Protein backbone atom coordinates (compact mmCIF):
# COMPACT_ATOMS: atom_id res chain seq x y z
CA UNK A 1 -19.26 25.42 -4.37
CA UNK A 2 -20.73 22.67 -2.12
CA UNK A 3 -18.11 19.63 -2.07
CA UNK A 4 -21.08 17.22 -2.74
CA UNK A 5 -22.07 19.08 -5.98
CA UNK A 6 -18.52 18.99 -7.06
CA UNK A 7 -18.07 15.22 -6.29
CA UNK A 8 -21.18 14.51 -8.44
CA UNK A 9 -19.80 16.53 -11.35
CA UNK A 10 -16.21 14.94 -11.06
CA UNK A 11 -15.67 12.56 -13.97
CA UNK A 12 -18.83 13.42 -15.71
CA UNK A 13 -18.19 16.73 -17.49
CA UNK A 14 -14.86 15.94 -18.97
CA UNK A 15 -14.27 13.69 -22.01
CA UNK A 16 -11.06 11.80 -22.68
CA UNK A 17 -8.52 13.60 -24.79
CA UNK A 18 -8.81 12.90 -28.50
CA UNK A 19 -5.94 10.81 -29.66
CA UNK A 20 -4.78 10.02 -33.17
CA UNK A 21 -6.55 6.96 -34.54
CA UNK A 22 -3.24 5.05 -34.87
CA UNK A 23 -2.04 6.03 -31.33
CA UNK A 24 -3.15 3.65 -28.42
CA UNK A 25 -4.63 5.26 -25.35
CA UNK A 26 -1.93 5.90 -22.72
CA UNK A 27 -1.75 3.88 -19.42
CA UNK A 28 -1.85 5.81 -16.22
CA UNK A 29 -1.20 4.99 -12.57
CA UNK A 30 -2.88 6.18 -9.33
CA UNK A 31 -0.85 5.42 -6.23
CA UNK A 32 -2.82 5.70 -2.98
CA UNK A 33 -1.37 5.12 0.41
CA UNK A 34 -2.45 5.16 4.06
CA UNK A 35 0.62 5.31 6.32
CA UNK A 36 -0.99 3.47 9.27
CA UNK A 37 -2.36 0.73 7.03
CA UNK A 38 -5.31 -1.43 8.00
CA UNK A 39 -6.20 -4.22 10.49
CA UNK A 40 -4.56 -7.13 8.65
CA UNK A 41 -7.04 -9.75 10.05
CA UNK A 42 -9.99 -8.15 8.20
CA UNK A 43 -8.08 -7.14 4.94
CA UNK A 44 -6.42 -10.18 3.81
CA UNK A 45 -8.66 -12.96 2.21
CA UNK A 46 -8.46 -16.63 2.93
CA UNK A 47 -7.26 -18.95 0.16
CA UNK A 48 -5.06 -18.34 -2.70
CA UNK A 49 -5.74 -17.93 -6.34
CA UNK A 50 -9.06 -17.22 -8.10
CA UNK A 51 -11.27 -18.93 -5.74
CA UNK A 52 -10.38 -17.01 -2.56
CA UNK A 53 -13.09 -15.93 -0.12
CA UNK A 54 -13.55 -12.15 0.30
CA UNK A 55 -12.36 -10.76 3.50
CA UNK A 56 -14.62 -8.49 5.51
CA UNK A 57 -12.97 -5.41 4.04
CA UNK A 58 -12.90 -6.66 0.48
CA UNK A 59 -16.55 -7.25 0.55
CA UNK A 60 -16.80 -3.48 -0.01
CA UNK A 61 -15.07 -3.92 -3.30
CA UNK A 62 -17.13 -7.00 -4.29
CA UNK A 63 -18.63 -5.39 -7.41
CA UNK A 64 -15.12 -5.04 -8.77
CA UNK A 65 -13.80 -8.49 -7.76
CA UNK A 66 -12.68 -9.34 -11.34
CA UNK A 67 -10.86 -5.88 -11.73
CA UNK A 68 -8.41 -6.16 -8.77
CA UNK A 69 -5.61 -8.48 -7.41
CA UNK A 70 -4.93 -8.45 -3.67
CA UNK A 71 -1.35 -9.60 -2.61
CA UNK A 72 -0.03 -10.95 0.52
CA UNK A 73 3.57 -11.57 1.51
CA UNK A 74 5.03 -8.30 -0.14
CA UNK A 75 7.22 -5.74 1.47
CA UNK A 76 10.59 -3.90 0.99
CA UNK A 77 13.53 -6.03 2.20
CA UNK A 78 15.52 -4.22 4.95
CA UNK A 79 13.05 -1.35 5.24
CA UNK A 80 12.19 -1.10 8.86
CA UNK A 81 11.85 1.85 11.35
CA UNK A 82 7.95 1.60 11.82
CA UNK A 83 6.38 4.99 10.94
CA UNK A 84 9.64 6.48 9.37
CA UNK A 85 9.16 3.94 6.64
CA UNK A 86 6.14 5.78 5.24
CA UNK A 87 8.38 8.05 3.06
CA UNK A 88 10.10 4.81 1.65
CA UNK A 89 6.90 3.07 0.44
CA UNK A 90 7.65 4.12 -3.19
CA UNK A 91 11.33 4.21 -2.96
CA UNK A 92 12.32 1.02 -0.88
CA UNK A 93 15.40 2.82 0.39
CA UNK A 94 16.83 1.09 3.59
CA UNK A 95 17.69 2.69 6.85
CA UNK A 96 14.79 5.04 6.92
CA UNK A 97 15.88 8.26 8.56
CA UNK A 98 18.88 6.91 10.60
CA UNK A 99 21.84 8.95 10.84
CA UNK A 100 23.20 9.72 7.38
CA UNK A 101 20.12 8.40 5.68
CA UNK A 102 19.21 9.71 2.12
CA UNK A 103 16.08 8.55 0.30
CA UNK A 104 16.21 7.41 -3.28
CA UNK A 105 14.05 8.10 -6.15
CA UNK A 106 10.33 7.11 -5.71
CA UNK A 107 8.61 4.87 -8.43
CA UNK A 108 6.30 7.73 -9.63
CA UNK A 109 9.36 10.05 -10.33
CA UNK A 110 11.24 7.24 -11.93
CA UNK A 111 8.32 6.43 -14.24
CA UNK A 112 7.83 10.30 -15.03
CA UNK A 113 11.58 10.51 -16.05
CA UNK A 114 11.20 7.64 -18.39
CA UNK A 115 7.96 8.92 -19.98
CA UNK A 116 9.31 12.38 -20.51
CA UNK A 117 7.21 15.71 -20.79
CA UNK A 118 4.23 14.02 -22.43
CA UNK A 119 1.72 15.87 -20.23
CA UNK A 120 1.59 19.23 -18.51
CA UNK A 121 2.47 17.70 -15.16
CA UNK A 122 4.88 14.68 -15.33
CA UNK A 123 3.42 13.70 -11.95
CA UNK A 124 1.20 15.06 -9.23
CA UNK A 125 1.80 14.51 -5.60
CA UNK A 126 -1.30 14.83 -3.46
CA UNK A 127 -1.95 14.54 0.26
CA UNK A 128 -4.72 14.32 2.94
CA UNK A 129 -3.91 15.86 6.31
CA UNK A 130 -0.27 15.55 5.39
CA UNK A 131 2.65 16.94 7.33
CA UNK A 132 4.17 18.62 4.25
CA UNK A 133 7.64 19.19 5.48
CA UNK A 134 8.30 15.69 6.78
CA UNK A 135 6.17 13.26 4.72
CA UNK A 136 5.73 12.57 1.08
CA UNK A 137 5.35 9.60 -1.28
CA UNK A 138 7.29 11.42 -4.05
CA UNK A 139 11.05 11.72 -3.87
CA UNK A 140 13.61 13.06 -6.48
CA UNK A 141 16.54 11.12 -7.87
CA UNK A 142 18.71 12.81 -5.30
CA UNK A 143 16.30 11.80 -2.53
CA UNK A 144 14.77 15.32 -1.97
CA UNK A 145 11.24 15.32 -0.75
CA UNK A 146 8.68 16.72 -3.07
CA UNK A 147 5.83 18.53 -1.03
CA UNK A 148 2.26 17.19 -1.49
CA UNK A 149 -0.57 19.42 -2.53
CA UNK A 150 -3.38 19.08 0.06
CA UNK A 151 -5.58 22.01 -1.24
CA UNK A 152 -8.29 20.97 -3.83
CA UNK A 153 -8.87 24.52 -4.95
CA UNK A 154 -5.16 25.16 -5.45
CA UNK A 155 -4.91 22.04 -7.54
CA UNK A 156 -7.99 22.98 -9.48
CA UNK A 157 -6.35 26.29 -10.51
CA UNK A 158 -3.16 24.52 -11.55
CA UNK A 159 -5.20 22.07 -13.68
CA UNK A 160 -7.91 24.28 -15.36
CA UNK A 161 -7.42 27.96 -14.66
CA UNK A 162 -5.82 29.79 -17.59
CA UNK A 163 -4.02 33.02 -16.79
CA UNK A 164 -4.37 35.94 -18.95
CA UNK A 165 -1.49 37.19 -21.15
CA UNK A 166 0.07 39.30 -18.44
CA UNK A 167 -0.03 36.72 -15.79
CA UNK A 168 1.53 34.09 -18.30
CA UNK A 169 4.29 36.62 -19.02
CA UNK A 170 4.88 37.22 -15.32
CA UNK A 171 5.21 33.47 -14.76
CA UNK A 172 7.59 32.99 -17.63
CA UNK A 173 9.72 35.90 -16.41
CA UNK A 174 9.80 34.17 -12.92
CA UNK A 175 10.90 30.84 -14.51
CA UNK A 176 13.71 32.68 -16.62
CA UNK A 177 14.91 34.57 -13.43
CA UNK A 178 15.05 31.37 -11.55
CA UNK A 179 17.02 29.82 -14.54
CA UNK A 180 19.63 32.61 -14.29
CA UNK A 181 20.08 31.93 -10.73
CA UNK A 182 20.56 28.29 -11.26
CA UNK A 183 23.16 29.16 -13.90
CA UNK A 184 25.00 31.29 -11.44
CA UNK A 185 24.93 28.54 -8.82
CA UNK A 186 26.33 25.91 -11.23
CA UNK A 187 29.20 28.47 -12.32
CA UNK A 188 30.16 28.96 -8.65
CA UNK A 189 30.34 25.21 -7.94
CA UNK A 190 32.66 24.72 -11.06
CA UNK A 191 34.88 27.48 -9.72
CA UNK A 192 35.77 25.66 -6.45
CA UNK A 193 35.13 22.04 -7.05
CA UNK A 194 38.73 21.23 -7.78
CA UNK A 195 39.69 22.35 -4.22
CA UNK A 196 37.41 19.74 -2.46
CA UNK A 197 38.31 16.38 -1.04
CA UNK A 198 36.58 13.26 -2.29
CA UNK A 199 33.71 13.34 0.44
CA UNK A 200 32.91 16.89 -0.20
CA UNK A 201 32.99 16.24 -4.03
CA UNK A 202 30.31 13.61 -3.49
CA UNK A 203 28.17 15.99 -1.69
CA UNK A 204 28.74 18.56 -4.39
CA UNK A 205 27.79 16.08 -7.10
CA UNK A 206 24.50 15.37 -5.16
CA UNK A 207 23.88 19.12 -4.98
CA UNK A 208 24.58 19.61 -8.75
CA UNK A 209 22.30 16.69 -9.59
CA UNK A 210 19.42 18.50 -7.68
CA UNK A 211 20.11 21.74 -9.48
CA UNK A 212 19.91 19.94 -12.81
CA UNK A 213 16.82 18.28 -11.82
CA UNK A 214 15.21 21.68 -11.07
CA UNK A 215 16.48 22.95 -14.32
CA UNK A 216 14.81 20.19 -16.38
CA UNK A 217 11.38 20.79 -14.42
CA UNK A 218 11.62 24.41 -15.24
CA UNK A 219 12.29 23.94 -18.92
CA UNK A 220 9.21 21.62 -18.97
CA UNK A 221 7.18 24.18 -17.20
CA UNK A 222 8.16 27.04 -19.61
CA UNK A 223 7.17 24.87 -22.55
CA UNK A 224 3.83 24.14 -21.10
CA UNK A 225 3.07 27.75 -19.81
CA UNK A 226 2.01 29.08 -23.16
CA UNK A 227 -0.22 26.17 -24.12
CA UNK A 228 -3.91 26.36 -23.20
CA UNK A 229 -5.18 24.31 -20.28
CA UNK A 230 -8.14 22.03 -20.65
CA UNK A 231 -11.53 23.59 -20.10
CA UNK A 232 -12.69 23.71 -16.54
CA UNK A 233 -15.30 20.72 -15.97
CA UNK A 234 -17.16 22.66 -13.25
CA UNK A 235 -16.69 25.53 -10.70
CA UNK A 236 -13.83 25.47 -8.22
CA UNK A 237 -14.57 23.10 -5.34
CA UNK A 238 -14.70 24.49 -1.73
CA UNK A 239 -11.65 23.82 0.32
CA UNK A 240 -11.77 21.50 3.29
CA UNK A 241 -9.22 22.62 6.00
CA UNK A 242 -10.63 20.84 9.11
CA UNK A 243 -8.39 17.70 9.69
CA UNK A 244 -11.37 16.11 11.65
CA UNK A 245 -13.12 15.78 8.12
CA UNK A 246 -10.68 13.10 7.15
CA UNK A 247 -12.92 11.08 4.92
CA UNK A 248 -14.45 14.09 3.17
CA UNK A 249 -10.91 15.43 2.40
CA UNK A 250 -9.92 11.98 1.27
CA UNK A 251 -12.95 11.70 -1.06
CA UNK A 252 -12.40 15.12 -2.53
CA UNK A 253 -8.69 14.52 -3.41
CA UNK A 254 -9.60 11.23 -4.97
CA UNK A 255 -12.06 12.99 -7.21
CA UNK A 256 -9.34 15.70 -8.14
CA UNK A 257 -6.92 12.81 -8.87
CA UNK A 258 -9.52 11.40 -11.26
CA UNK A 259 -9.99 14.71 -13.00
CA UNK A 260 -6.24 15.27 -13.45
CA UNK A 261 -5.93 11.87 -15.08
CA UNK A 262 -9.03 12.18 -17.03
CA UNK A 263 -7.97 15.73 -18.57
CA UNK A 264 -4.60 14.04 -19.24
CA UNK A 265 -3.00 16.81 -17.30
CA UNK A 266 -0.84 14.02 -15.91
CA UNK A 267 -0.54 10.23 -16.15
CA UNK A 268 0.96 9.65 -12.78
CA UNK A 269 -0.73 10.66 -9.26
CA UNK A 270 0.36 9.89 -5.75
CA UNK A 271 -1.93 10.38 -2.88
CA UNK A 272 -0.87 9.96 0.81
CA UNK A 273 -3.48 9.90 3.48
CA UNK A 274 -1.36 10.96 6.54
CA UNK A 275 -3.21 9.12 9.25
CA UNK A 276 -0.28 9.75 11.58
CA UNK A 277 -0.88 13.44 11.43
CA UNK A 278 -4.69 13.12 11.65
CA UNK A 279 -6.07 14.11 15.10
CA UNK A 280 -9.38 12.98 16.55
CA UNK A 281 -11.77 12.88 13.57
CA UNK A 282 -15.27 12.23 12.57
CA UNK A 283 -16.05 8.52 12.11
CA UNK A 284 -19.35 9.15 10.77
CA UNK A 285 -22.29 11.76 11.03
CA UNK A 286 -23.16 10.48 14.60
CA UNK A 287 -19.73 9.67 16.04
CA UNK A 288 -16.16 11.22 16.58
CA UNK A 289 -13.17 8.96 17.34
CA UNK A 290 -12.08 8.66 20.95
CA UNK A 291 -8.44 9.10 20.06
CA UNK A 292 -6.11 10.35 17.26
CA UNK A 293 -5.73 7.95 14.24
CA UNK A 294 -2.29 7.17 15.58
CA UNK A 295 -3.69 6.51 19.00
CA UNK A 296 -6.43 4.20 17.55
CA UNK A 297 -3.79 2.17 15.60
CA UNK A 298 -2.13 1.27 18.87
CA UNK A 299 -5.13 -0.63 19.90
CA UNK A 300 -3.71 -3.34 21.92
CA UNK A 301 -6.71 -5.35 20.97
CA UNK A 302 -8.90 -3.11 22.91
CA UNK A 303 -12.49 -3.65 21.87
CA UNK A 304 -13.54 0.08 21.50
CA UNK A 305 -10.46 0.90 19.43
CA UNK A 306 -10.67 -2.16 17.26
CA UNK A 307 -14.35 -1.48 16.52
CA UNK A 308 -13.54 2.17 15.54
CA UNK A 309 -10.50 1.09 13.32
CA UNK A 310 -12.77 -1.43 11.46
CA UNK A 311 -15.16 1.32 10.61
CA UNK A 312 -12.33 3.51 9.45
CA UNK A 313 -10.88 0.95 7.19
CA UNK A 314 -14.29 -0.03 5.84
CA UNK A 315 -14.86 3.54 4.88
CA UNK A 316 -11.69 3.75 2.99
CA UNK A 317 -12.54 0.77 1.08
CA UNK A 318 -15.81 2.39 0.24
CA UNK A 319 -13.94 5.45 -1.01
CA UNK A 320 -11.67 3.08 -3.10
CA UNK A 321 -14.77 1.33 -4.43
CA UNK A 322 -16.21 4.74 -5.43
CA UNK A 323 -13.05 5.59 -7.27
CA UNK A 324 -13.06 2.23 -9.12
CA UNK A 325 -16.66 2.76 -10.01
CA UNK A 326 -15.97 6.33 -11.33
CA UNK A 327 -13.14 4.99 -13.52
CA UNK A 328 -15.12 2.30 -14.87
CA UNK A 329 -18.09 4.40 -15.76
CA UNK A 330 -15.73 6.69 -17.64
CA UNK A 331 -14.15 3.65 -19.36
CA UNK A 332 -10.72 4.54 -17.85
CA UNK A 333 -10.22 1.60 -15.47
CA UNK A 334 -8.55 -0.69 -18.17
CA UNK A 335 -5.97 2.10 -18.79
CA UNK A 336 -5.45 3.16 -15.13
CA UNK A 337 -3.58 1.15 -12.53
CA UNK A 338 -4.96 2.03 -9.05
CA UNK A 339 -2.62 0.94 -6.32
CA UNK A 340 -3.67 0.88 -2.68
CA UNK A 341 -1.27 0.11 0.04
CA UNK A 342 0.67 1.01 3.09
CA UNK A 343 4.13 0.87 4.68
CA UNK A 344 2.62 -0.65 7.62
CA UNK A 345 1.78 -4.35 7.83
CA UNK A 346 0.50 -4.01 11.43
CA UNK A 347 0.71 -0.48 12.97
CA UNK A 348 -0.16 -1.75 16.38
CA UNK A 349 3.36 -3.32 16.67
CA UNK A 350 5.24 -1.12 14.09
CA UNK A 351 5.59 -3.98 11.80
CA UNK A 352 6.86 -3.11 8.15
CA UNK A 353 6.29 -6.57 6.61
CA UNK A 354 3.39 -8.31 4.99
CA UNK A 355 2.06 -5.04 3.72
CA UNK A 356 -1.52 -4.82 2.63
CA UNK A 357 -1.33 -4.30 -1.16
CA UNK A 358 -4.22 -4.14 -3.67
CA UNK A 359 -3.88 -3.39 -7.45
CA UNK A 360 -6.92 -2.64 -9.75
CA UNK A 361 -7.38 -2.01 -13.36
CA UNK A 362 -4.61 -1.40 -15.96
CA UNK A 363 -5.47 -4.18 -18.26
CA UNK A 364 -4.13 -6.96 -15.92
CA UNK A 365 -5.82 -10.33 -15.44
CA UNK A 366 -7.14 -9.77 -12.15
CA UNK A 367 -9.80 -11.56 -9.84
CA UNK A 368 -6.98 -13.22 -7.66
CA UNK A 369 -5.22 -13.46 -4.48
CA UNK A 370 -1.59 -13.66 -4.98
CA UNK A 371 0.13 -15.34 -1.86
CA UNK A 372 3.89 -14.93 -1.25
CA UNK A 373 5.95 -16.16 1.85
CA UNK A 374 5.06 -14.42 5.10
CA UNK A 375 8.46 -15.20 6.55
CA UNK A 376 10.49 -14.16 3.60
CA UNK A 377 8.60 -11.61 1.66
CA UNK A 378 8.75 -10.87 -2.11
CA UNK A 379 9.92 -7.37 -2.81
CA UNK A 380 7.13 -5.05 -3.36
CA UNK A 381 9.24 -3.31 -6.13
CA UNK A 382 8.46 -6.41 -8.39
CA UNK A 383 5.00 -5.09 -8.52
CA UNK A 384 6.36 -1.65 -9.43
CA UNK A 385 8.50 -3.11 -12.29
CA UNK A 386 5.25 -4.90 -13.59
CA UNK A 387 3.24 -1.61 -13.38
CA UNK A 388 5.92 0.49 -15.22
CA UNK A 389 6.22 -2.14 -17.81
CA UNK A 390 2.43 -1.87 -18.21
CA UNK A 391 2.88 1.80 -19.01
CA UNK A 392 5.39 0.97 -21.78
CA UNK A 393 8.50 1.79 -19.80
CA UNK A 394 11.34 -0.33 -20.69
CA UNK A 395 12.92 -1.50 -17.32
CA UNK A 396 13.74 -4.85 -15.82
CA UNK A 397 14.47 -3.51 -12.34
CA UNK A 398 13.64 -0.78 -9.79
CA UNK A 399 15.32 -0.39 -6.35
CA UNK A 400 15.19 -3.76 -4.49
CA UNK A 401 13.27 -5.68 -7.27
CA UNK A 402 14.24 -9.20 -8.38
CA UNK A 403 12.07 -9.08 -11.46
CA UNK A 404 8.37 -8.83 -12.30
CA UNK A 405 5.76 -9.80 -9.98
CA UNK A 406 5.01 -13.62 -10.42
CA UNK A 407 1.42 -14.35 -11.24
CA UNK A 408 0.31 -10.89 -12.34
CA UNK A 409 -0.14 -11.17 -16.11
CA UNK A 410 -1.22 -8.70 -18.71
CA UNK A 411 -4.44 -9.36 -20.71
C-alpha cells in the first residue's frame, strides 16, 4: 500500500475505545526525541510568559500556540558526554557510558510499571533510522536497553493482525517454554548464591531483577494473547528501508504511534529519530544534503550547513504540527501529552544543557514560554513528574527531579 494512502487514513478509520460512562478517558503520552537536537537560535522564543514572540521554528506550530508550552533552561544535572547522553534523555542517569556505567529506568517504563497491564502493550518503543543495538529511549529498571521497532509493517502486525487458533497456540507454547527456562535459571542462581562475595552478589541481584522483569512481561503477554486485537483500520503500510528517506520514515512512524494510542493498544509511546545514525538524506524533493546529519550538526557556523539544518528543523516542526493537528481532529490532544525534545542543547559543541523542550496537549494550561536559569538549569525530570501525575500516577519524584515543574499547571 502506498505510504501517502496509509497516512491519509491514519487516525480516521478508528474510533476511540468505548469506555464505561463513569470512567474518565485515560491520559496518554507520546515522547519524541531527535538525538542531535535543533539549532537553538531558531527554536527558543524571545520573552517569557504568555506574550512571548514565536521563534522562526515555532511559527510552524502557530495554529497550536495555545496547546503547547515551550521550556528553556531545562536539562539533566550531571548528565554530560555529548552524543552518549541520548540514551539518558528519559533516564537522567549520570556518567553516560563511562567505565562501569549502568543506565537506570526510563520514565516511560517507570510509568508503565505504575499503570500496570491496562493495555495490550504497556508501552511501545519506536525508532527512525535507529542503531538498535546501541540506542534507545527505553530502559528497564535494571538499566537494560529495550530495542526500538523501526518497521511500520511489523508494528502494524503486532497492533492489528490477529493470528489463527494454531498460531496463537504456538505463541502461548513459546511463552510457556521461555517461562520454564527462566524458572531453571532462577533455581540455578539460588543454588550458588551463598558462595558469592558481596560484589558478585550485587551483580547476581541485578541479574535476578532482569529475569523477574522478563517474567512479568511474559505473564502479561500470555494474558493478552488470547484476547482479540482491535480491527485493522486499513491495509498494512509499505515499509521504508532507505535511510535517505528520513522525513518519510519519521512521518510514517508518527502516524503509527497515533494509531497505537487511538486504538488503546498502549498509552505510552516513545519515538527516537536517530539523527546520529542518519547518512546523507533527502532534504526535499529537489535537494539532498551535502553531508550526513551528524556532519551537518557540526556546522561551525558554515552558511551552507546552517541553511540545510534550518530546513531539516523546520520539516520536523511541520511533522510535529501534523501530529498535533491529527490528534486535535480526533479529539485526542487534551488526553495526550506530546513531548518533543533532545539530549542536545547545541550539537555543534556537544552541549547537553539548555535542552530544546516542548510539551503539547494533555490538559495543561499551555500557550506559554517557561524560562528557567540558563547557567543553573532546572531538572528536566520535574517535567516528567508533572506528566506522570497527569496520567494519575502517584509519584512526587523521578530520578534527579526536585518536584513538579514550576509554572506548568493542569486545567
